[in-house]
Amino acid sequence: MRTAVVIGASGQIGRPVVAAPARGGWEVTAASRGGGRDTGCGDGVRRVRLDRADDTVLAAVVGDGGDPLVDVVAYDAGRARQVTGLAGRVGSAVVISGVAVYEDGAGRGFDTMGEPDGFPDYPVPVPETQPTVAPGEATYSARRAALERELLGAGAGSPVTVLRAGAVHGPYSPLPRELYFVRRNLDGRQGRVLAYRGESRFHPASARNIAELVRLAAARPGSRVLNACDGQAPTVAGIGAAIDAVMGVETRTVYVDGPPAGPVGRTPWSVPRPVVCDMSAAERELGYRPVVSYAESLPETVERLTGALRGRDWREVFPLLARACPDLFDYAAEDAWRTA
């Protein structure tokens, strides 16, 4: 029987990643900080507590088996060295990175998005051969690039697949972008404003589709980098319409040609240029086909968000989203803009 070890098993990506091989009859060790917390995968999964910073504990969890080792929470060169240091104990590894490593060839990337004319001008779609930012420790993107370089560098003792995830979504997301539309609908806000004519595209990646890519990569070990996104990249207007359909509401949208006016018209997907990734390499090398479309994934997400908000402040429920987008629901600014 094949075995797999999943690090970060209780998070939004880890849950479906654990479930995929478990359903296929694999023996799965699900490692997380909480250890015993339910990952929704049944009794056939061994759950263990893991302090990721402790190399000795990590080696004990992996033991002399684990093919593959799946790491969904690695984020820098140090974590990469933990993975490569287990060569000989594991047959192969699959590690989650992100599309934030891409640079547009003119020095612009995710780290420059907030600067004047700093938003990257990527090709559509972005292939895995697109240049990446310089590896380092100063920024999120640089740390991800350092992670990838360390994993794929000369001397790695086992094949490693690096999956560059897009805007991850799913019912367990700590940063649920869908809340932008869900809460407005729950609050009866029938009117909305979308910048960039509602045409912004920021490629989503369902946690379930990422799990499918992990499953496929585990079955075909190799050293490679692949984008990990959904089959389609809907516009922000399309996302809003799909959420409205799930919630059974009708809304009116004002489309603004240019950028947001402060918080007005700005959503978690609002970008002046598209960020759309090429999925043909994953299709060609792994036979990847998305197991769920964005629209098909929404009912579960909407239901979970609706339940989570019941009688609670959204900032307490989703503190990560609140820190990233503190003015996500500035209704006063929207109303003032409409009457100006």
Protein backbone atom coordinates (compact mmCIF):
# COMPACT_ATOMS: atom_id res chain seq x y z
CA MET A 1 0.00 0.00 0.00
CA ARG A 2 1.32 3.45 -0.91
CA THR A 3 1.92 5.95 1.85
CA ALA A 4 1.86 9.72 1.98
CA VAL A 5 2.81 12.29 4.60
CA VAL A 6 1.03 15.66 4.45
CA ILE A 7 2.47 18.63 6.36
CA GLY A 8 -0.11 21.32 7.07
CA ALA A 9 -2.99 18.87 6.96
CA SER A 10 -5.64 20.91 8.77
CA GLY A 11 -5.66 24.03 6.59
CA GLN A 12 -7.72 25.02 3.57
CA ILE A 13 -5.40 23.19 1.15
CA GLY A 14 -4.33 20.43 3.53
CA ARG A 15 -7.83 19.07 4.13
CA PRO A 16 -8.59 18.12 0.51
CA VAL A 17 -4.95 17.13 -0.06
CA VAL A 18 -5.27 14.56 2.73
CA ALA A 19 -8.65 13.39 1.50
CA ALA A 20 -7.57 12.72 -2.11
CA PRO A 21 -5.06 9.89 -1.47
CA ALA A 22 -7.07 8.59 1.49
CA ARG A 23 -10.03 7.97 -0.82
CA GLY A 24 -7.67 6.10 -3.15
CA GLY A 25 -6.70 3.64 -0.44
CA TRP A 26 -3.36 5.18 0.49
CA GLU A 27 -2.06 5.24 4.05
CA VAL A 28 -1.88 8.91 4.97
CA THR A 29 -0.13 10.61 7.88
CA ALA A 30 -1.74 14.02 8.38
CA ALA A 31 0.62 16.31 10.30
CA SER A 32 -0.42 19.67 11.71
CA ARG A 33 0.11 21.91 14.71
CA GLY A 34 -3.22 20.77 16.14
CA GLY A 35 -2.53 17.11 15.54
CA GLY A 36 -5.77 15.54 16.61
CA ARG A 37 -8.09 17.99 14.90
CA ASP A 38 -10.52 16.44 12.46
CA THR A 39 -9.51 16.83 8.83
CA GLY A 40 -12.74 15.28 7.58
CA CYS A 41 -11.02 12.26 6.06
CA GLY A 42 -12.36 9.36 8.11
CA ASP A 43 -10.64 6.94 10.42
CA GLY A 44 -8.08 5.66 7.92
CA VAL A 45 -5.86 8.72 8.36
CA ARG A 46 -3.16 8.84 11.02
CA ARG A 47 -3.17 12.30 12.57
CA VAL A 48 -0.11 13.59 14.37
CA ARG A 49 0.94 16.81 16.03
CA LEU A 50 3.94 18.50 14.40
CA ASP A 51 6.07 21.43 15.45
CA ARG A 52 7.42 22.31 12.03
CA ALA A 53 10.41 24.14 13.48
CA ASP A 54 11.72 20.93 15.10
CA ASP A 55 13.73 18.93 12.55
CA THR A 56 13.91 15.90 14.85
CA VAL A 57 10.15 15.73 15.27
CA LEU A 58 9.64 16.14 11.52
CA ALA A 59 12.05 13.28 10.79
CA ALA A 60 10.23 11.08 13.32
CA VAL A 61 6.85 11.84 11.73
CA VAL A 62 8.15 10.95 8.28
CA GLY A 63 9.99 7.86 9.53
CA ASP A 64 11.41 5.69 6.79
CA GLY A 65 8.38 5.97 4.53
CA GLY A 66 6.25 8.57 2.84
CA ASP A 67 6.03 8.64 -0.91
CA PRO A 68 5.25 11.36 -1.45
CA LEU A 69 5.96 13.92 1.23
CA VAL A 70 3.46 16.72 0.60
CA ASP A 71 4.22 20.11 2.12
CA VAL A 72 1.47 22.70 1.82
CA VAL A 73 2.91 25.21 4.31
CA ALA A 74 6.57 25.60 3.28
CA TYR A 75 7.38 29.23 2.62
CA ASP A 76 11.14 29.86 2.49
CA ALA A 77 14.58 28.35 1.90
CA GLY A 78 14.80 27.03 5.45
CA ARG A 79 11.64 25.01 5.05
CA ALA A 80 12.91 23.78 1.68
CA ARG A 81 16.09 22.49 3.31
CA GLN A 82 13.95 20.53 5.76
CA VAL A 83 12.30 18.81 2.80
CA THR A 84 15.52 18.13 0.89
CA GLY A 85 17.13 16.93 4.11
CA LEU A 86 14.68 14.04 4.14
CA ALA A 87 16.01 12.64 0.86
CA GLY A 88 16.43 8.93 1.24
CA ARG A 89 13.52 8.73 3.64
CA VAL A 90 10.92 9.77 1.06
CA GLY A 91 10.58 8.75 -2.55
CA SER A 92 9.39 12.11 -3.83
CA ALA A 93 7.94 15.40 -2.67
CA VAL A 94 5.19 17.78 -3.74
CA VAL A 95 5.46 21.33 -2.37
CA ILE A 96 3.00 24.20 -2.70
CA SER A 97 4.41 27.55 -3.83
CA GLY A 98 2.53 30.44 -5.43
CA VAL A 99 2.19 32.56 -8.56
CA ALA A 100 3.51 35.51 -6.53
CA VAL A 101 7.01 34.45 -7.65
CA TYR A 102 6.41 35.73 -11.19
CA GLU A 103 7.98 38.95 -12.46
CA ASP A 104 6.93 40.63 -15.68
CA GLY A 105 10.42 41.12 -17.14
CA ALA A 106 10.42 44.82 -16.25
CA GLY A 107 11.04 44.43 -12.53
CA ARG A 108 7.37 44.40 -11.56
CA GLY A 109 5.63 41.69 -9.59
CA PHE A 110 3.39 41.13 -6.62
CA ASP A 111 5.75 43.09 -4.37
CA THR A 112 5.42 46.25 -6.50
CA MET A 113 1.64 46.22 -6.93
CA GLY A 114 1.13 49.12 -4.54
CA GLU A 115 3.64 51.39 -6.28
CA PRO A 116 2.82 53.91 -9.05
CA ASP A 117 2.74 51.92 -12.29
CA GLY A 118 3.94 48.97 -10.24
CA PHE A 119 1.35 46.44 -11.30
CA PRO A 120 3.00 43.74 -13.43
CA ASP A 121 2.17 43.37 -17.10
CA TYR A 122 2.18 39.59 -17.48
CA PRO A 123 1.57 37.67 -20.69
CA VAL A 124 -1.86 36.07 -20.90
CA PRO A 125 -1.64 33.33 -19.91
CA VAL A 126 1.51 33.19 -17.75
CA PRO A 127 3.62 30.09 -18.48
CA GLU A 128 5.94 28.45 -15.97
CA THR A 129 8.89 29.77 -18.01
CA GLN A 130 8.03 33.37 -17.06
CA PRO A 131 10.88 35.07 -15.14
CA THR A 132 10.62 35.04 -11.35
CA VAL A 133 11.73 37.52 -8.70
CA ALA A 134 15.16 37.20 -7.12
CA PRO A 135 15.17 34.80 -4.17
CA GLY A 136 15.67 36.34 -0.76
CA GLU A 137 14.13 36.93 2.67
CA ALA A 138 12.79 40.49 2.42
CA THR A 139 9.35 39.81 0.93
CA TYR A 140 6.77 37.06 0.57
CA SER A 141 7.53 36.68 -3.14
CA ALA A 142 11.28 36.54 -2.58
CA ARG A 143 10.89 33.90 0.12
CA ARG A 144 8.74 31.79 -2.19
CA ALA A 145 11.36 32.12 -4.93
CA ALA A 146 14.04 31.05 -2.45
CA LEU A 147 11.93 28.05 -1.50
CA GLU A 148 11.71 26.97 -5.13
CA ARG A 149 15.41 27.46 -5.85
CA GLU A 150 16.41 25.41 -2.83
CA LEU A 151 13.99 22.61 -3.68
CA LEU A 152 15.01 22.35 -7.30
CA GLY A 153 18.71 23.10 -6.91
CA ALA A 154 21.49 20.66 -7.69
CA GLY A 155 21.93 18.01 -5.06
CA ALA A 156 18.30 17.42 -4.21
CA GLY A 157 18.15 13.70 -3.51
CA SER A 158 14.59 12.99 -4.64
CA PRO A 159 12.23 14.36 -7.31
CA VAL A 160 10.25 17.43 -6.26
CA THR A 161 7.15 18.86 -7.91
CA VAL A 162 6.56 22.53 -7.12
CA LEU A 163 2.97 23.70 -7.60
CA ARG A 164 2.45 27.45 -8.04
CA ALA A 165 -1.04 28.09 -6.68
CA GLY A 166 -3.19 31.01 -7.76
CA ALA A 167 -5.77 32.80 -5.59
CA VAL A 168 -6.70 29.86 -3.38
CA HIS A 169 -10.38 29.50 -2.53
CA GLY A 170 -12.57 27.02 -0.73
CA PRO A 171 -14.84 26.65 2.30
CA TYR A 172 -11.99 26.70 4.83
CA SER A 173 -10.18 29.75 3.48
CA PRO A 174 -8.91 32.20 6.12
CA LEU A 175 -8.97 34.87 3.40
CA PRO A 176 -12.30 34.31 1.64
CA ARG A 177 -12.47 36.86 -1.16
CA GLU A 178 -16.05 35.75 -1.82
CA LEU A 179 -17.08 37.50 1.38
CA TYR A 180 -17.06 40.78 -0.58
CA PHE A 181 -20.22 39.72 -2.39
CA VAL A 182 -21.71 37.37 0.20
CA ARG A 183 -21.85 39.92 3.01
CA ARG A 184 -23.22 42.64 0.74
CA ASN A 185 -26.02 40.31 -0.26
CA LEU A 186 -26.72 39.38 3.36
CA ASP A 187 -26.81 43.10 4.21
CA GLY A 188 -29.30 43.80 1.40
CA ARG A 189 -26.87 45.95 -0.59
CA GLN A 190 -28.45 45.56 -4.01
CA GLY A 191 -26.21 48.16 -5.64
CA ARG A 192 -22.50 47.63 -6.15
CA VAL A 193 -19.63 49.39 -7.89
CA LEU A 194 -16.84 47.59 -9.76
CA ALA A 195 -13.69 49.26 -11.00
CA TYR A 196 -11.97 48.41 -14.29
CA ARG A 197 -15.40 47.76 -15.86
CA GLY A 198 -15.70 44.60 -13.75
CA GLU A 199 -13.27 42.88 -16.13
CA SER A 200 -10.45 42.19 -13.66
CA ARG A 201 -9.21 38.59 -13.66
CA PHE A 202 -7.09 37.12 -10.90
CA HIS A 203 -6.80 33.39 -11.54
CA PRO A 204 -8.50 31.40 -8.74
CA ALA A 205 -7.33 28.01 -7.51
CA SER A 206 -9.79 25.74 -5.76
CA ALA A 207 -8.22 23.82 -2.89
CA ARG A 208 -9.86 20.72 -4.39
CA ASN A 209 -8.16 21.30 -7.75
CA ILE A 210 -4.82 21.80 -6.03
CA ALA A 211 -5.40 18.50 -4.23
CA GLU A 212 -6.04 16.82 -7.57
CA LEU A 213 -2.75 18.18 -8.89
CA VAL A 214 -0.99 16.84 -5.78
CA ARG A 215 -2.54 13.43 -6.37
CA LEU A 216 -1.46 13.37 -10.00
CA ALA A 217 2.06 14.57 -9.24
CA ALA A 218 2.43 11.93 -6.53
CA ALA A 219 1.51 9.23 -9.03
CA ARG A 220 4.08 10.54 -11.55
CA PRO A 221 7.11 11.72 -9.55
CA GLY A 222 9.43 14.19 -11.23
CA SER A 223 11.32 17.43 -10.72
CA ARG A 224 9.17 20.12 -12.23
CA VAL A 225 7.33 23.40 -11.68
CA LEU A 226 3.66 23.64 -12.62
CA ASN A 227 0.98 26.27 -12.26
CA ALA A 228 -1.86 25.19 -10.00
CA CYS A 229 -5.10 26.99 -10.84
CA ASP A 230 -8.68 26.36 -11.87
CA GLY A 231 -9.60 25.62 -15.45
CA GLN A 232 -10.96 29.13 -16.03
CA ALA A 233 -10.23 32.63 -14.71
CA PRO A 234 -13.60 34.40 -14.39
CA THR A 235 -13.93 38.17 -14.30
CA VAL A 236 -14.85 39.85 -11.02
CA ALA A 237 -18.25 40.69 -12.54
CA GLY A 238 -18.70 37.02 -13.39
CA ILE A 239 -17.80 36.01 -9.84
CA GLY A 240 -20.35 38.42 -8.43
CA ALA A 241 -23.05 37.12 -10.76
CA ALA A 242 -22.26 33.51 -9.83
CA ILE A 243 -22.50 34.27 -6.10
CA ASP A 244 -25.78 36.13 -6.66
CA ALA A 245 -27.15 33.05 -8.44
CA VAL A 246 -26.18 30.79 -5.52
CA MET A 247 -27.81 33.18 -3.02
CA GLY A 248 -30.88 33.80 -5.17
CA VAL A 249 -30.58 37.59 -5.24
CA GLU A 250 -30.70 40.25 -7.94
CA THR A 251 -28.29 43.18 -7.86
CA ARG A 252 -27.44 46.28 -9.86
CA THR A 253 -23.85 47.01 -10.77
CA VAL A 254 -22.23 50.29 -11.79
CA TYR A 255 -19.09 49.71 -13.86
CA VAL A 256 -16.29 52.26 -13.62
CA ASP A 257 -13.77 52.46 -16.45
CA GLY A 258 -10.77 53.30 -14.29
CA PRO A 259 -9.34 52.33 -10.92
CA PRO A 260 -11.21 52.34 -7.61
CA ALA A 261 -12.03 55.67 -5.94
CA GLY A 262 -10.48 54.84 -2.61
CA PRO A 263 -12.42 51.83 -1.33
CA VAL A 264 -15.26 52.37 -3.81
CA GLY A 265 -15.15 49.79 -6.59
CA ARG A 266 -12.25 47.88 -5.08
CA THR A 267 -12.65 44.15 -4.53
CA PRO A 268 -10.13 41.45 -3.57
CA TRP A 269 -9.87 40.61 -7.28
CA SER A 270 -9.64 44.17 -8.67
CA VAL A 271 -6.49 44.44 -10.77
CA PRO A 272 -5.72 46.78 -13.69
CA ARG A 273 -4.16 43.98 -15.73
CA PRO A 274 -5.07 40.28 -15.83
CA VAL A 275 -3.23 37.63 -13.82
CA VAL A 276 -4.11 34.46 -15.72
CA CYS A 277 -1.93 31.35 -15.62
CA ASP A 278 -1.25 28.80 -18.34
CA MET A 279 -2.43 25.34 -17.23
CA SER A 280 -1.38 23.49 -20.38
CA ALA A 281 1.82 22.06 -18.85
CA ALA A 282 -0.14 20.42 -16.01
CA GLU A 283 -2.60 19.05 -18.55
CA ARG A 284 0.19 17.72 -20.74
CA GLU A 285 2.51 16.32 -18.05
CA LEU A 286 0.00 15.05 -15.51
CA GLY A 287 -3.24 14.71 -17.43
CA TYR A 288 -4.77 17.36 -15.17
CA ARG A 289 -8.45 18.13 -15.49
CA PRO A 290 -10.12 20.33 -12.86
CA VAL A 291 -12.38 18.34 -10.55
CA VAL A 292 -14.53 21.40 -9.88
CA SER A 293 -15.22 24.68 -11.65
CA TYR A 294 -15.29 27.98 -9.80
CA ALA A 295 -19.08 28.19 -10.05
CA GLU A 296 -19.49 24.60 -8.88
CA SER A 297 -17.37 25.29 -5.81
CA LEU A 298 -19.43 28.27 -4.66
CA PRO A 299 -22.46 26.70 -2.88
CA GLU A 300 -20.31 25.12 -0.16
CA THR A 301 -18.27 28.31 0.28
CA VAL A 302 -21.34 30.54 0.42
CA GLU A 303 -23.03 28.26 2.94
CA ARG A 304 -19.99 28.25 5.20
CA LEU A 305 -19.53 32.01 5.02
CA THR A 306 -23.20 32.64 5.73
CA GLY A 307 -23.06 30.43 8.80
CA ALA A 308 -19.80 31.94 10.03
CA LEU A 309 -21.16 35.49 9.86
CA ARG A 310 -24.37 34.77 11.72
CA GLY A 311 -24.43 37.15 14.67
CA ARG A 312 -20.69 37.89 14.45
CA ASP A 313 -18.42 40.68 13.25
CA TRP A 314 -16.67 39.67 10.01
CA ARG A 315 -13.39 41.13 11.30
CA GLU A 316 -13.40 38.76 14.25
CA VAL A 317 -14.25 35.75 12.10
CA PHE A 318 -11.70 36.52 9.37
CA PRO A 319 -8.90 38.60 10.93
CA LEU A 320 -6.47 37.86 8.09
CA LEU A 321 -8.90 39.25 5.52
CA ALA A 322 -9.63 42.24 7.77
CA ARG A 323 -5.93 43.10 7.97
CA ALA A 324 -5.49 42.75 4.22
CA CYS A 325 -8.68 44.63 3.28
CA PRO A 326 -9.77 46.77 6.26
CA ASP A 327 -12.20 48.90 4.20
CA LEU A 328 -13.82 46.01 2.35
CA PHE A 329 -17.30 47.10 3.47
CA ASP A 330 -17.11 50.89 3.56
CA TYR A 331 -20.76 51.41 2.74
CA ALA A 332 -20.65 55.09 3.75
CA ALA A 333 -18.00 55.80 1.13
CA GLU A 334 -20.02 53.96 -1.50
CA ASP A 335 -23.19 55.90 -0.67
CA ALA A 336 -21.33 59.21 -0.71
CA TRP A 337 -19.80 58.37 -4.09
CA ARG A 338 -23.22 57.57 -5.55
CA THR A 339 -24.71 60.89 -4.43
CA ALA A 340 -21.73 63.07 -5.36
